[in-house]
């Protein structure tokens, strides 16, 4: 690929590319680099690559149309497979599993087909800010072996409306 091709690729709007998948914010808040999450499993991208969100709302919603895989027993995290085959993991906070479900309410069920923006879990942010080690919520793609390019967005996001990741398969 020549310099002109690279420049053209950089300025072209790749959202129209059939291979580009947009992942929407599963929580409202502010995007934080994954490397800033105070947990080595996320910061070193052991479970996948993505971003984290410093939450400002009280819901975790589907980041895409897809099928809910696993919802953790403690209702602090879930996995989802998008209709396009992306496998994502959304995790609220760090060491929140130790709260044994306190502050979390399950809305959706495992195996359920969901649309982007549909509520999966609800949480009590004030309680979790007091009790959790961190409320940063990592959003990672766990099947990175199928991803050719990952573009991470930044800024303030609204659940179910703001794009946080653009993925090319």
C-alpha atoms as a PDB file:
ATOM      1  CA  UNK A   1       0.000   0.000   0.000  1.00  0.00           C
ATOM      2  CA  UNK A   2       1.492   3.341  -1.063  1.00  0.00           C
ATOM      3  CA  UNK A   3       1.479   6.575   0.873  1.00  0.00           C
ATOM      4  CA  UNK A   4      -1.465   7.921  -1.138  1.00  0.00           C
ATOM      5  CA  UNK A   5      -3.499   4.772  -0.376  1.00  0.00           C
ATOM      6  CA  UNK A   6      -2.707   5.108   3.329  1.00  0.00           C
ATOM      7  CA  UNK A   7      -3.730   8.766   3.348  1.00  0.00           C
ATOM      8  CA  UNK A   8      -6.907   7.986   1.413  1.00  0.00           C
ATOM      9  CA  UNK A   9      -7.714   5.215   3.897  1.00  0.00           C
ATOM     10  CA  UNK A  10      -7.102   7.570   6.846  1.00  0.00           C
ATOM     11  CA  UNK A  11      -9.448  10.278   5.541  1.00  0.00           C
ATOM     12  CA  UNK A  12     -12.096   8.045   3.996  1.00  0.00           C
ATOM     13  CA  UNK A  13     -15.203   7.350   6.038  1.00  0.00           C
ATOM     14  CA  UNK A  14     -14.809   3.656   6.819  1.00  0.00           C
ATOM     15  CA  UNK A  15     -18.208   3.495   8.562  1.00  0.00           C
ATOM     16  CA  UNK A  16     -19.725   2.690   5.159  1.00  0.00           C
ATOM     17  CA  UNK A  17     -17.423  -0.316   4.790  1.00  0.00           C
ATOM     18  CA  UNK A  18     -19.477  -3.514   4.912  1.00  0.00           C
ATOM     19  CA  UNK A  19     -16.771  -5.092   7.085  1.00  0.00           C
ATOM     20  CA  UNK A  20     -16.886  -2.316   9.701  1.00  0.00           C
ATOM     21  CA  UNK A  21     -18.891  -3.062  12.826  1.00  0.00           C
ATOM     22  CA  UNK A  22     -19.835  -0.297  15.226  1.00  0.00           C
ATOM     23  CA  UNK A  23     -19.962  -1.088  18.938  1.00  0.00           C
ATOM     24  CA  UNK A  24     -22.096   1.270  21.002  1.00  0.00           C
ATOM     25  CA  UNK A  25     -21.631   2.363  24.620  1.00  0.00           C
ATOM     26  CA  UNK A  26     -23.152  -0.186  27.031  1.00  0.00           C
ATOM     27  CA  UNK A  27     -23.032   2.478  29.779  1.00  0.00           C
ATOM     28  CA  UNK A  28     -23.246   6.264  29.861  1.00  0.00           C
ATOM     29  CA  UNK A  29     -20.118   8.021  31.079  1.00  0.00           C
ATOM     30  CA  UNK A  30     -16.629   8.883  29.895  1.00  0.00           C
ATOM     31  CA  UNK A  31     -14.301   6.655  27.866  1.00  0.00           C
ATOM     32  CA  UNK A  32     -11.027   5.800  29.610  1.00  0.00           C
ATOM     33  CA  UNK A  33      -8.115   3.865  28.034  1.00  0.00           C
ATOM     34  CA  UNK A  34      -8.231   0.177  28.956  1.00  0.00           C
ATOM     35  CA  UNK A  35      -4.631   0.460  30.195  1.00  0.00           C
ATOM     36  CA  UNK A  36      -5.869   2.695  33.067  1.00  0.00           C
ATOM     37  CA  UNK A  37      -8.104  -0.018  34.559  1.00  0.00           C
ATOM     38  CA  UNK A  38      -6.574  -1.055  37.912  1.00  0.00           C
ATOM     39  CA  UNK A  39      -6.659  -4.768  37.057  1.00  0.00           C
ATOM     40  CA  UNK A  40      -3.875  -6.507  35.138  1.00  0.00           C
ATOM     41  CA  UNK A  41      -6.327  -8.830  33.328  1.00  0.00           C
ATOM     42  CA  UNK A  42      -7.909  -5.824  31.582  1.00  0.00           C
ATOM     43  CA  UNK A  43      -4.981  -3.371  31.519  1.00  0.00           C
ATOM     44  CA  UNK A  44      -2.717  -5.908  29.785  1.00  0.00           C
ATOM     45  CA  UNK A  45      -5.552  -7.010  27.454  1.00  0.00           C
ATOM     46  CA  UNK A  46      -5.414 -10.643  28.605  1.00  0.00           C
ATOM     47  CA  UNK A  47      -9.166 -11.120  27.975  1.00  0.00           C
ATOM     48  CA  UNK A  48      -9.307  -8.856  24.912  1.00  0.00           C
ATOM     49  CA  UNK A  49      -8.882  -5.313  23.669  1.00  0.00           C
ATOM     50  CA  UNK A  50     -11.269  -2.393  23.951  1.00  0.00           C
ATOM     51  CA  UNK A  51     -11.932   0.573  26.210  1.00  0.00           C
ATOM     52  CA  UNK A  52     -13.296   1.259  29.695  1.00  0.00           C
ATOM     53  CA  UNK A  53     -16.074   3.634  30.708  1.00  0.00           C
ATOM     54  CA  UNK A  54     -16.223   5.693  33.913  1.00  0.00           C
ATOM     55  CA  UNK A  55     -19.985   5.317  34.455  1.00  0.00           C
ATOM     56  CA  UNK A  56     -22.462   8.116  35.115  1.00  0.00           C
ATOM     57  CA  UNK A  57     -25.742   6.229  34.715  1.00  0.00           C
ATOM     58  CA  UNK A  58     -27.415   3.196  36.285  1.00  0.00           C
ATOM     59  CA  UNK A  59     -27.795   0.681  33.419  1.00  0.00           C
ATOM     60  CA  UNK A  60     -25.707  -1.639  31.283  1.00  0.00           C
ATOM     61  CA  UNK A  61     -27.264  -2.089  27.846  1.00  0.00           C
ATOM     62  CA  UNK A  62     -26.530  -4.223  24.808  1.00  0.00           C
ATOM     63  CA  UNK A  63     -23.668  -2.627  22.809  1.00  0.00           C
ATOM     64  CA  UNK A  64     -25.029  -4.219  19.597  1.00  0.00           C
ATOM     65  CA  UNK A  65     -27.729  -6.510  18.272  1.00  0.00           C
ATOM     66  CA  UNK A  66     -26.883 -10.036  19.355  1.00  0.00           C
ATOM     67  CA  UNK A  67     -27.313 -12.869  21.806  1.00  0.00           C
ATOM     68  CA  UNK A  68     -26.502 -12.710  25.502  1.00  0.00           C
ATOM     69  CA  UNK A  69     -23.963 -15.410  26.293  1.00  0.00           C
ATOM     70  CA  UNK A  70     -23.161 -15.490  29.998  1.00  0.00           C
ATOM     71  CA  UNK A  71     -24.454 -13.215  32.733  1.00  0.00           C
ATOM     72  CA  UNK A  72     -22.337 -13.643  35.832  1.00  0.00           C
ATOM     73  CA  UNK A  73     -24.172 -14.982  38.878  1.00  0.00           C
ATOM     74  CA  UNK A  74     -23.329 -11.758  40.720  1.00  0.00           C
ATOM     75  CA  UNK A  75     -24.852  -9.683  37.860  1.00  0.00           C
ATOM     76  CA  UNK A  76     -21.775  -7.461  37.462  1.00  0.00           C
ATOM     77  CA  UNK A  77     -20.766  -8.623  33.968  1.00  0.00           C
ATOM     78  CA  UNK A  78     -22.065 -10.221  30.803  1.00  0.00           C
ATOM     79  CA  UNK A  79     -20.877 -11.516  27.461  1.00  0.00           C
ATOM     80  CA  UNK A  80     -22.645 -10.981  24.160  1.00  0.00           C
ATOM     81  CA  UNK A  81     -22.107 -12.271  20.652  1.00  0.00           C
ATOM     82  CA  UNK A  82     -23.072  -9.741  18.004  1.00  0.00           C
ATOM     83  CA  UNK A  83     -25.076 -10.803  14.965  1.00  0.00           C
ATOM     84  CA  UNK A  84     -21.850 -10.150  13.010  1.00  0.00           C
ATOM     85  CA  UNK A  85     -19.856 -12.630  15.130  1.00  0.00           C
ATOM     86  CA  UNK A  86     -18.004 -10.282  17.493  1.00  0.00           C
ATOM     87  CA  UNK A  87     -17.691 -11.657  21.014  1.00  0.00           C
ATOM     88  CA  UNK A  88     -17.741  -8.948  23.677  1.00  0.00           C
ATOM     89  CA  UNK A  89     -17.374  -8.876  27.408  1.00  0.00           C
ATOM     90  CA  UNK A  90     -18.810  -6.017  29.499  1.00  0.00           C
ATOM     91  CA  UNK A  91     -17.624  -5.924  33.112  1.00  0.00           C
ATOM     92  CA  UNK A  92     -18.699  -3.411  35.741  1.00  0.00           C
ATOM     93  CA  UNK A  93     -15.935  -2.267  38.054  1.00  0.00           C
ATOM     94  CA  UNK A  94     -12.987  -4.044  39.594  1.00  0.00           C
ATOM     95  CA  UNK A  95     -13.386  -6.672  42.328  1.00  0.00           C
ATOM     96  CA  UNK A  96     -17.168  -6.171  42.108  1.00  0.00           C
ATOM     97  CA  UNK A  97     -17.593  -9.959  42.149  1.00  0.00           C
ATOM     98  CA  UNK A  98     -16.749  -9.738  45.877  1.00  0.00           C
ATOM     99  CA  UNK A  99     -19.996  -7.796  46.468  1.00  0.00           C
ATOM    100  CA  UNK A 100     -21.887 -11.024  45.646  1.00  0.00           C
ATOM    101  CA  UNK A 101     -24.496  -9.213  43.560  1.00  0.00           C
ATOM    102  CA  UNK A 102     -25.130  -6.307  45.933  1.00  0.00           C
ATOM    103  CA  UNK A 103     -25.937  -3.199  43.898  1.00  0.00           C
ATOM    104  CA  UNK A 104     -26.809  -5.112  40.700  1.00  0.00           C
ATOM    105  CA  UNK A 105     -30.143  -6.238  39.199  1.00  0.00           C
ATOM    106  CA  UNK A 106     -30.452  -8.618  36.246  1.00  0.00           C
ATOM    107  CA  UNK A 107     -32.956  -7.551  33.587  1.00  0.00           C
ATOM    108  CA  UNK A 108     -32.104  -9.774  30.589  1.00  0.00           C
ATOM    109  CA  UNK A 109     -31.502 -13.543  30.533  1.00  0.00           C
ATOM    110  CA  UNK A 110     -28.742 -15.757  29.150  1.00  0.00           C
ATOM    111  CA  UNK A 111     -29.467 -16.854  25.580  1.00  0.00           C
ATOM    112  CA  UNK A 112     -31.804 -13.901  25.007  1.00  0.00           C
ATOM    113  CA  UNK A 113     -31.733 -12.107  21.637  1.00  0.00           C
ATOM    114  CA  UNK A 114     -31.283  -8.374  22.260  1.00  0.00           C
ATOM    115  CA  UNK A 115     -31.216  -5.189  20.231  1.00  0.00           C
ATOM    116  CA  UNK A 116     -28.647  -2.428  20.674  1.00  0.00           C
ATOM    117  CA  UNK A 117     -29.581  -0.294  23.692  1.00  0.00           C
ATOM    118  CA  UNK A 118     -31.764  -2.918  25.407  1.00  0.00           C
ATOM    119  CA  UNK A 119     -31.155  -3.053  29.171  1.00  0.00           C
ATOM    120  CA  UNK A 120     -29.173  -6.087  30.373  1.00  0.00           C
ATOM    121  CA  UNK A 121     -28.333  -5.083  33.959  1.00  0.00           C
ATOM    122  CA  UNK A 122     -29.121  -2.216  36.311  1.00  0.00           C
ATOM    123  CA  UNK A 123     -26.816  -0.989  39.047  1.00  0.00           C
ATOM    124  CA  UNK A 124     -26.734   1.369  42.030  1.00  0.00           C
ATOM    125  CA  UNK A 125     -23.833   3.675  41.126  1.00  0.00           C
ATOM    126  CA  UNK A 126     -23.732   5.516  44.487  1.00  0.00           C
ATOM    127  CA  UNK A 127     -23.484   2.227  46.414  1.00  0.00           C
ATOM    128  CA  UNK A 128     -20.859   0.824  44.048  1.00  0.00           C
ATOM    129  CA  UNK A 129     -18.754   3.992  44.216  1.00  0.00           C
ATOM    130  CA  UNK A 130     -18.562   3.423  47.974  1.00  0.00           C
ATOM    131  CA  UNK A 131     -17.944  -0.323  47.954  1.00  0.00           C
ATOM    132  CA  UNK A 132     -16.063  -1.260  44.757  1.00  0.00           C
ATOM    133  CA  UNK A 133     -12.295  -0.968  44.269  1.00  0.00           C
ATOM    134  CA  UNK A 134     -13.070   0.863  41.002  1.00  0.00           C
ATOM    135  CA  UNK A 135     -16.236   1.573  39.013  1.00  0.00           C
ATOM    136  CA  UNK A 136     -14.423   1.645  35.656  1.00  0.00           C
ATOM    137  CA  UNK A 137     -16.301  -0.676  33.309  1.00  0.00           C
ATOM    138  CA  UNK A 138     -14.138  -2.475  30.727  1.00  0.00           C
ATOM    139  CA  UNK A 139     -15.762  -3.256  27.364  1.00  0.00           C
ATOM    140  CA  UNK A 140     -13.571  -5.717  25.472  1.00  0.00           C
ATOM    141  CA  UNK A 141     -13.672  -7.795  22.322  1.00  0.00           C
ATOM    142  CA  UNK A 142     -12.691 -11.315  23.329  1.00  0.00           C
ATOM    143  CA  UNK A 143     -12.245 -12.806  19.841  1.00  0.00           C
ATOM    144  CA  UNK A 144      -9.496 -10.386  18.738  1.00  0.00           C
ATOM    145  CA  UNK A 145      -8.062 -13.111  16.474  1.00  0.00           C
ATOM    146  CA  UNK A 146     -10.921 -12.310  14.058  1.00  0.00           C
ATOM    147  CA  UNK A 147     -10.335  -8.534  14.150  1.00  0.00           C
ATOM    148  CA  UNK A 148      -8.244  -6.854  11.434  1.00  0.00           C
ATOM    149  CA  UNK A 149      -8.490  -3.313  12.781  1.00  0.00           C
ATOM    150  CA  UNK A 150      -9.811  -1.764  15.996  1.00  0.00           C
ATOM    151  CA  UNK A 151     -10.531   1.954  16.232  1.00  0.00           C
ATOM    152  CA  UNK A 152     -11.196   3.275  19.760  1.00  0.00           C
ATOM    153  CA  UNK A 153     -13.189   6.453  20.224  1.00  0.00           C
ATOM    154  CA  UNK A 154     -12.998   8.811  23.200  1.00  0.00           C
ATOM    155  CA  UNK A 155     -15.037  11.377  25.112  1.00  0.00           C
ATOM    156  CA  UNK A 156     -18.378  11.434  26.879  1.00  0.00           C
ATOM    157  CA  UNK A 157     -20.778   8.702  25.729  1.00  0.00           C
ATOM    158  CA  UNK A 158     -24.474   7.911  26.036  1.00  0.00           C
ATOM    159  CA  UNK A 159     -25.542   4.283  26.456  1.00  0.00           C
ATOM    160  CA  UNK A 160     -26.942   2.724  23.308  1.00  0.00           C
ATOM    161  CA  UNK A 161     -26.325   5.903  21.254  1.00  0.00           C
ATOM    162  CA  UNK A 162     -22.594   6.697  21.155  1.00  0.00           C
ATOM    163  CA  UNK A 163     -20.138   4.598  19.147  1.00  0.00           C
ATOM    164  CA  UNK A 164     -17.153   3.511  21.298  1.00  0.00           C
ATOM    165  CA  UNK A 165     -15.393   1.073  18.937  1.00  0.00           C
ATOM    166  CA  UNK A 166     -15.211   0.541  15.185  1.00  0.00           C
ATOM    167  CA  UNK A 167     -14.100  -2.944  14.262  1.00  0.00           C
ATOM    168  CA  UNK A 168     -13.025  -4.337  10.894  1.00  0.00           C
ATOM    169  CA  UNK A 169     -13.185  -8.106  10.556  1.00  0.00           C
END
